[in-house]
Protein backbone atom coordinates (compact mmCIF):
# COMPACT_ATOMS: atom_id res chain seq x y z
CA MET A 1 0.02 0.06 -0.05
CA GLU A 2 1.45 3.40 -0.99
CA VAL A 3 0.70 6.17 1.35
CA LYS A 4 0.92 9.77 0.08
CA ILE A 5 0.49 13.07 2.02
CA PHE A 6 -0.95 15.95 -0.02
CA MET A 7 -1.05 19.34 1.58
CA ALA A 8 -1.27 22.84 0.54
CA GLN A 9 0.64 25.21 2.64
CA THR A 10 2.25 28.70 2.88
CA VAL A 11 5.84 29.30 1.89
CA ASN A 12 6.60 29.19 5.70
CA GLY A 13 4.81 25.79 6.31
CA LYS A 14 1.48 26.95 7.65
CA ILE A 15 -1.56 24.76 6.47
CA ALA A 16 -4.25 26.83 8.24
CA ARG A 17 -4.71 29.77 10.64
CA GLU A 18 -4.91 28.92 14.34
CA THR A 19 -8.68 29.12 13.84
CA GLY A 20 -8.41 26.38 11.21
CA GLU A 21 -9.56 28.59 8.69
CA GLU A 22 -7.71 28.36 5.08
CA ASP A 23 -9.06 31.48 3.42
CA PHE A 24 -5.47 32.30 2.19
CA LEU A 25 -5.32 29.32 0.01
CA SER A 26 -6.25 29.32 -3.73
CA PRO A 27 -9.07 27.24 -5.09
CA ARG A 28 -6.45 25.73 -7.49
CA ASN A 29 -5.17 23.78 -4.32
CA TRP A 30 -8.66 22.08 -3.88
CA GLN A 31 -8.74 21.29 -7.59
CA GLU A 32 -5.31 19.58 -7.40
CA PHE A 33 -6.19 17.72 -4.16
CA LYS A 34 -9.50 16.31 -5.71
CA LYS A 35 -7.68 15.34 -8.98
CA ILE A 36 -5.14 13.36 -6.87
CA ALA A 37 -7.66 11.91 -4.30
CA GLU A 38 -9.84 10.73 -7.16
CA LYS A 39 -6.93 9.15 -8.88
CA THR A 40 -5.87 7.38 -5.75
CA GLY A 41 -9.32 6.22 -4.75
CA ALA A 42 -9.39 6.86 -0.99
CA PHE A 43 -8.09 9.67 1.29
CA THR A 44 -8.19 10.09 4.99
CA VAL A 45 -8.41 13.26 7.11
CA GLY A 46 -8.50 13.86 10.60
CA ARG A 47 -11.59 14.98 12.85
CA LYS A 48 -10.86 18.69 12.85
CA THR A 49 -10.25 18.77 9.13
CA PHE A 50 -13.23 16.70 8.42
CA GLN A 51 -15.56 19.01 10.36
CA ALA A 52 -14.08 22.21 9.02
CA VAL A 53 -14.74 21.14 5.38
CA LYS A 54 -18.18 20.22 6.39
CA GLU A 55 -18.85 23.95 7.02
CA TRP A 56 -17.89 25.01 3.61
CA GLU A 57 -20.66 26.09 1.37
CA ASP A 58 -19.01 25.90 -2.20
CA LYS A 59 -17.40 22.37 -2.10
CA GLY A 60 -16.73 19.50 0.24
CA PHE A 61 -15.57 15.90 0.62
CA LYS A 62 -18.74 14.70 -0.82
CA ASP A 63 -18.06 16.12 -4.19
CA ILE A 64 -14.88 13.81 -4.45
CA ASN A 65 -15.30 10.38 -6.31
CA ALA A 66 -13.00 8.60 -3.70
CA GLU A 67 -13.49 6.86 -0.28
CA CYS A 68 -13.29 9.40 2.51
CA ILE A 69 -11.73 7.86 5.75
CA VAL A 70 -12.02 10.01 8.97
CA LEU A 71 -9.19 9.35 11.37
CA SER A 72 -10.24 10.01 14.95
CA GLN A 73 -10.32 8.40 18.33
CA LYS A 74 -13.16 10.67 19.61
CA GLU A 75 -15.77 8.35 21.12
CA GLY A 76 -19.46 8.97 19.54
CA LEU A 77 -18.19 11.00 16.48
CA GLU A 78 -20.87 10.51 13.90
CA VAL A 79 -19.24 11.11 10.48
CA GLY A 80 -22.57 10.50 8.44
CA GLU A 81 -23.40 8.53 5.45
CA GLY A 82 -20.58 8.29 2.67
CA PHE A 83 -17.80 8.51 5.28
CA ILE A 84 -15.96 5.92 7.19
CA LYS A 85 -14.33 6.43 10.70
CA VAL A 86 -11.30 4.71 11.86
CA SER A 87 -9.16 5.14 14.94
CA SER A 88 -5.65 4.53 13.74
CA PRO A 89 -3.29 5.14 10.57
CA GLU A 90 -3.13 1.05 10.33
CA LYS A 91 -6.95 0.78 10.20
CA ALA A 92 -7.02 3.52 7.47
CA VAL A 93 -4.50 1.55 5.47
CA LYS A 94 -6.45 -1.71 6.02
CA LEU A 95 -9.71 -0.43 5.10
CA ALA A 96 -8.08 1.01 1.66
CA GLU A 97 -6.66 -2.55 1.01
CA GLU A 98 -9.96 -4.05 1.74
CA LYS A 99 -11.73 -1.86 -0.72
CA GLY A 100 -9.08 -3.28 -3.21
CA LEU A 101 -7.08 -0.03 -3.55
CA ASP A 102 -3.13 0.05 -3.77
CA ALA A 103 -2.86 3.69 -2.40
CA LEU A 104 -4.11 6.07 0.16
CA LEU A 105 -3.81 9.78 0.38
CA VAL A 106 -3.59 11.49 3.70
CA THR A 107 -4.59 15.15 3.76
CA GLY A 108 -4.38 16.41 7.40
CA GLY A 109 -4.35 18.12 9.74
CA ALA A 110 -0.91 18.39 11.41
CA SER A 111 -1.68 15.49 13.99
CA VAL A 112 -3.05 12.96 11.18
CA ASN A 113 0.13 13.79 8.89
CA SER A 114 2.45 13.32 11.91
CA SER A 115 0.88 10.10 13.03
CA PHE A 116 1.54 8.58 9.50
CA MET A 117 5.09 10.02 9.34
CA GLU A 118 5.87 8.78 12.89
CA LYS A 119 4.92 5.14 12.10
CA LYS A 120 7.12 5.63 8.85
CA MET A 121 4.05 4.76 6.68
CA VAL A 122 4.55 7.73 4.17
CA ASP A 123 6.02 6.93 0.82
CA GLU A 124 5.25 10.29 -0.93
CA LEU A 125 4.86 13.82 0.09
CA ILE A 126 3.18 16.13 -2.28
CA LEU A 127 3.13 19.88 -1.23
CA ASP A 128 1.41 22.69 -2.93
CA ILE A 129 3.34 25.85 -1.69
CA GLU A 130 1.07 28.88 -1.91
CA PRO A 131 2.62 32.12 -2.45
CA TYR A 132 1.68 33.40 0.99
CA VAL A 133 3.34 34.05 4.47
CA LEU A 134 1.34 33.59 7.63
CA GLY A 135 3.06 34.39 10.77
CA GLU A 136 0.87 32.40 13.07
CA GLY A 137 -1.07 29.10 12.18
CA LEU A 138 -1.01 25.48 12.11
CA ASP A 139 2.06 23.74 11.07
CA LEU A 140 2.23 20.79 8.26
CA PHE A 141 3.15 18.44 10.94
CA ALA A 142 2.32 18.37 14.81
CA ARG A 143 5.40 18.25 17.14
CA ARG A 144 6.22 14.65 17.30
CA SER A 145 9.47 12.38 17.09
CA PHE A 146 10.16 11.48 13.68
CA GLU A 147 12.57 12.53 10.90
CA GLY A 148 13.59 11.22 7.27
CA GLU A 149 15.51 12.14 4.20
CA LEU A 150 13.26 13.33 1.22
CA GLY A 151 14.33 12.77 -2.39
CA LEU A 152 12.93 15.34 -4.74
CA GLU A 153 11.01 13.62 -7.55
CA GLU A 154 9.28 16.57 -9.25
CA VAL A 155 8.71 20.27 -9.27
CA ARG A 156 5.60 21.82 -11.12
CA LYS A 157 4.66 25.45 -11.35
CA LEU A 158 0.88 25.51 -11.26
CA GLU A 159 -1.54 28.45 -11.82
CA GLU A 160 -1.90 31.27 -9.32
CA GLY A 161 1.84 31.09 -8.50
CA ILE A 162 1.68 27.84 -6.71
CA VAL A 163 4.55 25.55 -6.70
CA GLN A 164 3.92 21.77 -6.21
CA LEU A 165 6.78 19.69 -4.83
CA ARG A 166 6.87 15.89 -4.90
CA TYR A 167 9.30 14.06 -2.71
CA ARG A 168 9.86 10.22 -2.07
CA LEU A 169 10.56 9.22 1.35
């Protein structure tokens, strides 16, 4: 099972404001995420990301033709029809395998990204770098104990000044 992390972020590594808002990110990032998620067949997000996107009016996870797996250990969390809740990265991967898929896309937030990295489950890191700087906000990864060397595979210039970086771990 190939596990990929996809995140849109500022030049200085912020994926959202402290409040969780991503208003500084271009709609182009959503289009890119949707394209990669549909090609992969399944994606996983954390509870906070899932709940934040549910509040969006113009787009959402239901618009994506891929399995949406919500990673949360919160008891009693109802994710609703069309979504599946699991409690660990291993269970997310197992579920994707049971669906006959050979890849899983991880797309935040910081704790979910870190939980996959910490367990050395990530094969590829895809970053859309938004031409924006945000002094305070949520980092790409939560503070956890992991490290790894990355090999740059591809650099693409997207519309609206976004640079997409693809790394192999």
